[in-house]
Amino acid sequence: MEETIPLFPLKLVAFPGELVNLHIFELRYIDLIHDVLAGNRRFGIPSFINNTIEYGTLMEVIEVSKTYDDGRMDIRTKGLKVFRVLEYLNPSPDKRYTVGTVRYIDNKTEQDPFLKSYMIEKLDEFFACLHFIGKVTISEETVSYDVVHKLGLKIEEEYKILRMNREIDRQEFITDYLDRTIPTLKSAEKAREIIKMNGHFKYLDPINF
């Protein structure tokens, strides 16, 4: 499906289902949000990565949290679905902001039960290493989009995940990352414990020669 929508290019990656808070201060984007609120409340955030615009996420304004006397706004938005930018006009002939024609990506949600179970196991282990137990909720309903921004990935890695249209591929990417990262975290934790012992009295058994 193709559609022409207002675009708000940003150097970030937003994912479907994610809540994104934005402070709107540029005049052109204040115009954009006013137009969006007067219409279907939707606009696109194409990710500006490596000086290019290609993929992004359709967002919906769910709340205007605050408005300022000079026109600025704080808004809460939610990611809906991923799109690919086919063409864009910056600015549009009759607007100060960018508009573009996008094609929505068909998200294939089929999962491999073993891979899903393995991802959840590794996520629990990862957050335990970070001492985030109780602060991050992982369950059988968890999908890759729910955790991507909690993993400390580089923005280029997040963008690579955004471009994937299969949940299986996203889960494979995440589990591979966790398999490589968890041993490093454990080594760092061990090093921290050793460092903590410096300066403390040590009770060591003498070696019998």
C-alpha atoms as a PDB file:
ATOM      1  CA  MET A   1       0.000   0.000   0.000  1.00  0.00           C
ATOM      2  CA  GLU A   2       1.307   3.477  -0.920  1.00  0.00           C
ATOM      3  CA  GLU A   3       0.389   6.762   0.734  1.00  0.00           C
ATOM      4  CA  THR A   4       1.570  10.373   0.809  1.00  0.00           C
ATOM      5  CA  ILE A   5       2.200  11.530   4.381  1.00  0.00           C
ATOM      6  CA  PRO A   6       3.914  14.366   6.278  1.00  0.00           C
ATOM      7  CA  LEU A   7       7.494  13.460   7.167  1.00  0.00           C
ATOM      8  CA  PHE A   8       9.527  14.430  10.211  1.00  0.00           C
ATOM      9  CA  PRO A   9      13.074  13.138   9.483  1.00  0.00           C
ATOM     10  CA  LEU A  10      15.070  12.431  12.634  1.00  0.00           C
ATOM     11  CA  LYS A  11      18.358  10.775  13.485  1.00  0.00           C
ATOM     12  CA  LEU A  12      16.662   8.041  15.453  1.00  0.00           C
ATOM     13  CA  VAL A  13      14.941   4.721  14.874  1.00  0.00           C
ATOM     14  CA  ALA A  14      11.359   4.330  16.086  1.00  0.00           C
ATOM     15  CA  PHE A  15       9.740   0.893  16.163  1.00  0.00           C
ATOM     16  CA  PRO A  16       6.114  -0.223  15.865  1.00  0.00           C
ATOM     17  CA  GLY A  17       4.463  -0.255  19.274  1.00  0.00           C
ATOM     18  CA  GLU A  18       7.053   2.097  20.771  1.00  0.00           C
ATOM     19  CA  LEU A  19       6.082   5.288  22.596  1.00  0.00           C
ATOM     20  CA  VAL A  20       8.191   8.272  21.537  1.00  0.00           C
ATOM     21  CA  ASN A  21       8.070  11.651  23.277  1.00  0.00           C
ATOM     22  CA  LEU A  22       8.946  14.630  21.078  1.00  0.00           C
ATOM     23  CA  HIS A  23       9.556  18.292  21.780  1.00  0.00           C
ATOM     24  CA  ILE A  24       8.396  20.261  18.728  1.00  0.00           C
ATOM     25  CA  PHE A  25      10.074  23.648  18.366  1.00  0.00           C
ATOM     26  CA  GLU A  26      10.898  24.349  14.688  1.00  0.00           C
ATOM     27  CA  LEU A  27       8.214  26.364  12.915  1.00  0.00           C
ATOM     28  CA  ARG A  28       7.906  23.913  10.031  1.00  0.00           C
ATOM     29  CA  TYR A  29       7.294  21.003  12.399  1.00  0.00           C
ATOM     30  CA  ILE A  30       4.892  23.020  14.514  1.00  0.00           C
ATOM     31  CA  ASP A  31       2.960  23.481  11.250  1.00  0.00           C
ATOM     32  CA  LEU A  32       3.218  19.744  10.591  1.00  0.00           C
ATOM     33  CA  ILE A  33       1.812  18.766  13.974  1.00  0.00           C
ATOM     34  CA  HIS A  34      -1.035  21.292  13.686  1.00  0.00           C
ATOM     35  CA  ASP A  35      -1.975  19.782  10.303  1.00  0.00           C
ATOM     36  CA  VAL A  36      -1.660  16.257  11.689  1.00  0.00           C
ATOM     37  CA  LEU A  37      -3.901  17.064  14.661  1.00  0.00           C
ATOM     38  CA  ALA A  38      -6.494  18.521  12.299  1.00  0.00           C
ATOM     39  CA  GLY A  39      -6.432  15.305  10.249  1.00  0.00           C
ATOM     40  CA  ASN A  40      -5.792  11.666  11.082  1.00  0.00           C
ATOM     41  CA  ARG A  41      -3.076  12.416  13.694  1.00  0.00           C
ATOM     42  CA  ARG A  42      -0.477  10.435  11.737  1.00  0.00           C
ATOM     43  CA  PHE A  43       2.899  11.300  10.254  1.00  0.00           C
ATOM     44  CA  GLY A  44       6.117   9.522   9.404  1.00  0.00           C
ATOM     45  CA  ILE A  45       9.513   9.523  11.080  1.00  0.00           C
ATOM     46  CA  PRO A  46      12.004   8.461   8.405  1.00  0.00           C
ATOM     47  CA  SER A  47      15.329   7.558  10.008  1.00  0.00           C
ATOM     48  CA  PHE A  48      18.154   9.826   8.839  1.00  0.00           C
ATOM     49  CA  ILE A  49      21.039   7.359   8.921  1.00  0.00           C
ATOM     50  CA  ASN A  50      24.354   7.707   7.076  1.00  0.00           C
ATOM     51  CA  ASN A  51      23.048  10.884   5.424  1.00  0.00           C
ATOM     52  CA  THR A  52      20.255   9.000   3.673  1.00  0.00           C
ATOM     53  CA  ILE A  53      16.503   8.599   4.094  1.00  0.00           C
ATOM     54  CA  GLU A  54      14.995   5.270   3.085  1.00  0.00           C
ATOM     55  CA  TYR A  55      13.070   3.515   5.886  1.00  0.00           C
ATOM     56  CA  GLY A  56      10.976   4.878   8.722  1.00  0.00           C
ATOM     57  CA  THR A  57       7.936   4.363  10.918  1.00  0.00           C
ATOM     58  CA  LEU A  58       4.390   5.700  10.747  1.00  0.00           C
ATOM     59  CA  MET A  59       3.593   7.479  14.018  1.00  0.00           C
ATOM     60  CA  GLU A  60       0.322   8.483  15.631  1.00  0.00           C
ATOM     61  CA  VAL A  61      -0.023  11.449  17.996  1.00  0.00           C
ATOM     62  CA  ILE A  62      -1.720  10.073  21.088  1.00  0.00           C
ATOM     63  CA  GLU A  63      -1.390  13.133  23.320  1.00  0.00           C
ATOM     64  CA  VAL A  64      -0.290  16.766  23.317  1.00  0.00           C
ATOM     65  CA  SER A  65       1.299  16.879  26.764  1.00  0.00           C
ATOM     66  CA  LYS A  66       2.080  20.586  26.824  1.00  0.00           C
ATOM     67  CA  THR A  67       1.846  23.674  24.659  1.00  0.00           C
ATOM     68  CA  TYR A  68       3.988  26.776  25.125  1.00  0.00           C
ATOM     69  CA  ASP A  69       3.175  30.443  24.538  1.00  0.00           C
ATOM     70  CA  ASP A  70       5.573  30.592  21.581  1.00  0.00           C
ATOM     71  CA  GLY A  71       3.912  27.633  19.834  1.00  0.00           C
ATOM     72  CA  ARG A  72       6.255  24.856  20.919  1.00  0.00           C
ATOM     73  CA  MET A  73       4.702  21.544  21.931  1.00  0.00           C
ATOM     74  CA  ASP A  74       5.523  18.387  23.836  1.00  0.00           C
ATOM     75  CA  ILE A  75       3.770  15.419  22.252  1.00  0.00           C
ATOM     76  CA  ARG A  76       3.518  11.688  22.855  1.00  0.00           C
ATOM     77  CA  THR A  77       3.466   9.451  19.809  1.00  0.00           C
ATOM     78  CA  LYS A  78       3.207   5.736  19.126  1.00  0.00           C
ATOM     79  CA  GLY A  79       4.819   3.748  16.315  1.00  0.00           C
ATOM     80  CA  LEU A  80       2.369   1.924  14.059  1.00  0.00           C
ATOM     81  CA  LYS A  81       4.141   0.316  11.092  1.00  0.00           C
ATOM     82  CA  VAL A  82       7.321   0.466   9.011  1.00  0.00           C
ATOM     83  CA  PHE A  83       7.485   2.100   5.603  1.00  0.00           C
ATOM     84  CA  ARG A  84       9.951   2.624   2.795  1.00  0.00           C
ATOM     85  CA  VAL A  85      10.243   6.108   1.315  1.00  0.00           C
ATOM     86  CA  LEU A  86       9.642   6.079  -2.433  1.00  0.00           C
ATOM     87  CA  GLU A  87      10.053   9.824  -2.944  1.00  0.00           C
ATOM     88  CA  TYR A  88       9.915  12.972  -0.859  1.00  0.00           C
ATOM     89  CA  LEU A  89       9.640  16.699  -1.337  1.00  0.00           C
ATOM     90  CA  ASN A  90      11.624  18.925   1.005  1.00  0.00           C
ATOM     91  CA  PRO A  91       9.750  21.125   1.432  1.00  0.00           C
ATOM     92  CA  SER A  92       6.384  20.352  -0.100  1.00  0.00           C
ATOM     93  CA  PRO A  93       5.264  22.958  -2.699  1.00  0.00           C
ATOM     94  CA  ASP A  94       2.473  24.246  -0.421  1.00  0.00           C
ATOM     95  CA  LYS A  95       3.929  23.458   3.032  1.00  0.00           C
ATOM     96  CA  ARG A  96       7.051  24.381   4.996  1.00  0.00           C
ATOM     97  CA  TYR A  97       7.684  20.772   5.959  1.00  0.00           C
ATOM     98  CA  THR A  98       8.582  17.607   4.061  1.00  0.00           C
ATOM     99  CA  VAL A  99       6.007  15.227   2.595  1.00  0.00           C
ATOM    100  CA  GLY A 100       6.697  11.917   0.952  1.00  0.00           C
ATOM    101  CA  THR A 101       5.184   8.951  -0.797  1.00  0.00           C
ATOM    102  CA  VAL A 102       5.788   5.792   1.205  1.00  0.00           C
ATOM    103  CA  ARG A 103       5.071   2.094   0.814  1.00  0.00           C
ATOM    104  CA  TYR A 104       4.183   0.177   3.973  1.00  0.00           C
ATOM    105  CA  ILE A 105       6.160  -2.972   4.675  1.00  0.00           C
ATOM    106  CA  ASP A 106       4.301  -6.223   5.251  1.00  0.00           C
ATOM    107  CA  ASN A 107       5.508  -7.420   8.660  1.00  0.00           C
ATOM    108  CA  LYS A 108       5.703 -11.216   8.776  1.00  0.00           C
ATOM    109  CA  THR A 109       5.071 -12.122  12.409  1.00  0.00           C
ATOM    110  CA  GLU A 110       5.519 -15.916  12.165  1.00  0.00           C
ATOM    111  CA  GLN A 111       7.951 -17.217  14.809  1.00  0.00           C
ATOM    112  CA  ASP A 112      10.072 -20.266  15.495  1.00  0.00           C
ATOM    113  CA  PRO A 113       9.055 -21.429  19.025  1.00  0.00           C
ATOM    114  CA  PHE A 114      12.576 -22.663  19.842  1.00  0.00           C
ATOM    115  CA  LEU A 115      14.182 -19.410  18.684  1.00  0.00           C
ATOM    116  CA  LYS A 116      11.602 -17.361  20.610  1.00  0.00           C
ATOM    117  CA  SER A 117      12.242 -19.360  23.791  1.00  0.00           C
ATOM    118  CA  TYR A 118      16.001 -19.000  23.352  1.00  0.00           C
ATOM    119  CA  MET A 119      15.710 -15.236  22.852  1.00  0.00           C
ATOM    120  CA  ILE A 120      13.662 -14.842  26.039  1.00  0.00           C
ATOM    121  CA  GLU A 121      16.175 -16.965  27.985  1.00  0.00           C
ATOM    122  CA  LYS A 122      19.064 -14.830  26.731  1.00  0.00           C
ATOM    123  CA  LEU A 123      17.206 -11.584  27.425  1.00  0.00           C
ATOM    124  CA  ASP A 124      16.652 -12.649  31.043  1.00  0.00           C
ATOM    125  CA  GLU A 125      20.347 -13.471  31.331  1.00  0.00           C
ATOM    126  CA  PHE A 126      21.355 -10.168  29.705  1.00  0.00           C
ATOM    127  CA  PHE A 127      19.249  -8.015  32.025  1.00  0.00           C
ATOM    128  CA  ALA A 128      20.403 -10.036  35.036  1.00  0.00           C
ATOM    129  CA  CYS A 129      24.000  -9.166  34.104  1.00  0.00           C
ATOM    130  CA  LEU A 130      22.970  -5.504  34.060  1.00  0.00           C
ATOM    131  CA  HIS A 131      21.097  -5.874  37.373  1.00  0.00           C
ATOM    132  CA  PHE A 132      17.875  -4.828  35.644  1.00  0.00           C
ATOM    133  CA  ILE A 133      15.800  -7.643  37.130  1.00  0.00           C
ATOM    134  CA  GLY A 134      12.329  -6.298  37.867  1.00  0.00           C
ATOM    135  CA  LYS A 135      12.931  -3.157  35.814  1.00  0.00           C
ATOM    136  CA  VAL A 136      12.415  -4.794  32.404  1.00  0.00           C
ATOM    137  CA  THR A 137       9.450  -7.111  31.823  1.00  0.00           C
ATOM    138  CA  ILE A 138      10.110 -10.115  29.592  1.00  0.00           C
ATOM    139  CA  SER A 139       7.319 -12.612  28.904  1.00  0.00           C
ATOM    140  CA  GLU A 140       6.119 -15.076  26.299  1.00  0.00           C
ATOM    141  CA  GLU A 141       4.384 -12.158  24.561  1.00  0.00           C
ATOM    142  CA  THR A 142       7.661 -10.241  24.140  1.00  0.00           C
ATOM    143  CA  VAL A 143       8.682  -9.602  20.541  1.00  0.00           C
ATOM    144  CA  SER A 144      11.845  -8.066  19.160  1.00  0.00           C
ATOM    145  CA  TYR A 145      10.385  -4.570  18.786  1.00  0.00           C
ATOM    146  CA  ASP A 146       9.709  -4.492  22.559  1.00  0.00           C
ATOM    147  CA  VAL A 147      13.357  -4.831  23.555  1.00  0.00           C
ATOM    148  CA  VAL A 148      15.526  -3.388  20.778  1.00  0.00           C
ATOM    149  CA  HIS A 149      16.033  -0.016  22.464  1.00  0.00           C
ATOM    150  CA  LYS A 150      16.987  -1.693  25.752  1.00  0.00           C
ATOM    151  CA  LEU A 151      19.982  -3.578  24.339  1.00  0.00           C
ATOM    152  CA  GLY A 152      22.498  -0.779  23.833  1.00  0.00           C
ATOM    153  CA  LEU A 153      22.724  -1.307  20.081  1.00  0.00           C
ATOM    154  CA  LYS A 154      24.312   1.254  17.791  1.00  0.00           C
ATOM    155  CA  ILE A 155      21.810   3.278  15.787  1.00  0.00           C
ATOM    156  CA  GLU A 156      23.038   1.573  12.593  1.00  0.00           C
ATOM    157  CA  GLU A 157      22.224  -1.814  14.150  1.00  0.00           C
ATOM    158  CA  GLU A 158      18.765  -0.627  15.180  1.00  0.00           C
ATOM    159  CA  TYR A 159      18.205   0.602  11.637  1.00  0.00           C
ATOM    160  CA  LYS A 160      19.225  -2.790  10.259  1.00  0.00           C
ATOM    161  CA  ILE A 161      16.530  -4.380  12.441  1.00  0.00           C
ATOM    162  CA  LEU A 162      13.966  -1.799  11.274  1.00  0.00           C
ATOM    163  CA  ARG A 163      14.579  -2.876   7.686  1.00  0.00           C
ATOM    164  CA  MET A 164      13.869  -6.537   8.455  1.00  0.00           C
ATOM    165  CA  ASN A 165      10.296  -7.569   7.651  1.00  0.00           C
ATOM    166  CA  ARG A 166      10.370 -10.969   9.396  1.00  0.00           C
ATOM    167  CA  GLU A 167      10.208 -11.470  13.153  1.00  0.00           C
ATOM    168  CA  ILE A 168      12.381 -14.572  12.807  1.00  0.00           C
ATOM    169  CA  ASP A 169      15.187 -12.514  11.242  1.00  0.00           C
ATOM    170  CA  ARG A 170      14.929  -9.902  13.990  1.00  0.00           C
ATOM    171  CA  GLN A 171      15.070 -12.567  16.691  1.00  0.00           C
ATOM    172  CA  GLU A 172      18.098 -14.192  15.066  1.00  0.00           C
ATOM    173  CA  PHE A 173      19.871 -10.828  14.998  1.00  0.00           C
ATOM    174  CA  ILE A 174      19.076 -10.166  18.661  1.00  0.00           C
ATOM    175  CA  THR A 175      20.099 -13.629  19.903  1.00  0.00           C
ATOM    176  CA  ASP A 176      23.372 -13.446  17.970  1.00  0.00           C
ATOM    177  CA  TYR A 177      24.055 -10.069  19.585  1.00  0.00           C
ATOM    178  CA  LEU A 178      23.237 -11.433  23.045  1.00  0.00           C
ATOM    179  CA  ASP A 179      25.431 -14.502  22.528  1.00  0.00           C
ATOM    180  CA  ARG A 180      28.347 -12.174  21.793  1.00  0.00           C
ATOM    181  CA  THR A 181      27.594  -9.575  24.459  1.00  0.00           C
ATOM    182  CA  ILE A 182      26.708 -11.611  27.555  1.00  0.00           C
ATOM    183  CA  PRO A 183      30.194 -13.183  27.987  1.00  0.00           C
ATOM    184  CA  THR A 184      31.701  -9.688  27.859  1.00  0.00           C
ATOM    185  CA  LEU A 185      29.281  -8.445  30.510  1.00  0.00           C
ATOM    186  CA  LYS A 186      30.091 -11.405  32.749  1.00  0.00           C
ATOM    187  CA  SER A 187      33.825 -10.784  32.367  1.00  0.00           C
ATOM    188  CA  ALA A 188      33.315  -7.133  33.288  1.00  0.00           C
ATOM    189  CA  GLU A 189      31.286  -8.135  36.357  1.00  0.00           C
ATOM    190  CA  LYS A 190      34.026 -10.528  37.440  1.00  0.00           C
ATOM    191  CA  ALA A 191      36.614  -7.780  37.002  1.00  0.00           C
ATOM    192  CA  ARG A 192      34.484  -5.431  39.138  1.00  0.00           C
ATOM    193  CA  GLU A 193      34.332  -8.003  41.933  1.00  0.00           C
ATOM    194  CA  ILE A 194      38.116  -8.439  41.843  1.00  0.00           C
ATOM    195  CA  ILE A 195      38.626  -4.676  41.968  1.00  0.00           C
ATOM    196  CA  LYS A 196      36.284  -4.425  44.962  1.00  0.00           C
ATOM    197  CA  MET A 197      38.553  -6.816  46.879  1.00  0.00           C
ATOM    198  CA  ASN A 198      41.543  -4.474  46.587  1.00  0.00           C
ATOM    199  CA  GLY A 199      42.220  -2.820  49.929  1.00  0.00           C
ATOM    200  CA  HIS A 200      40.204  -5.371  51.890  1.00  0.00           C
ATOM    201  CA  PHE A 201      41.660  -7.894  54.338  1.00  0.00           C
ATOM    202  CA  LYS A 202      41.841 -11.242  52.597  1.00  0.00           C
ATOM    203  CA  TYR A 203      41.449 -14.572  54.371  1.00  0.00           C
ATOM    204  CA  LEU A 204      43.427 -17.009  52.275  1.00  0.00           C
ATOM    205  CA  ASP A 205      44.405 -20.576  52.985  1.00  0.00           C
ATOM    206  CA  PRO A 206      48.188 -21.046  52.962  1.00  0.00           C
ATOM    207  CA  ILE A 207      49.561 -23.355  50.317  1.00  0.00           C
ATOM    208  CA  ASN A 208      51.059 -26.573  51.601  1.00  0.00           C
ATOM    209  CA  PHE A 209      54.232 -27.425  49.666  1.00  0.00           C
END
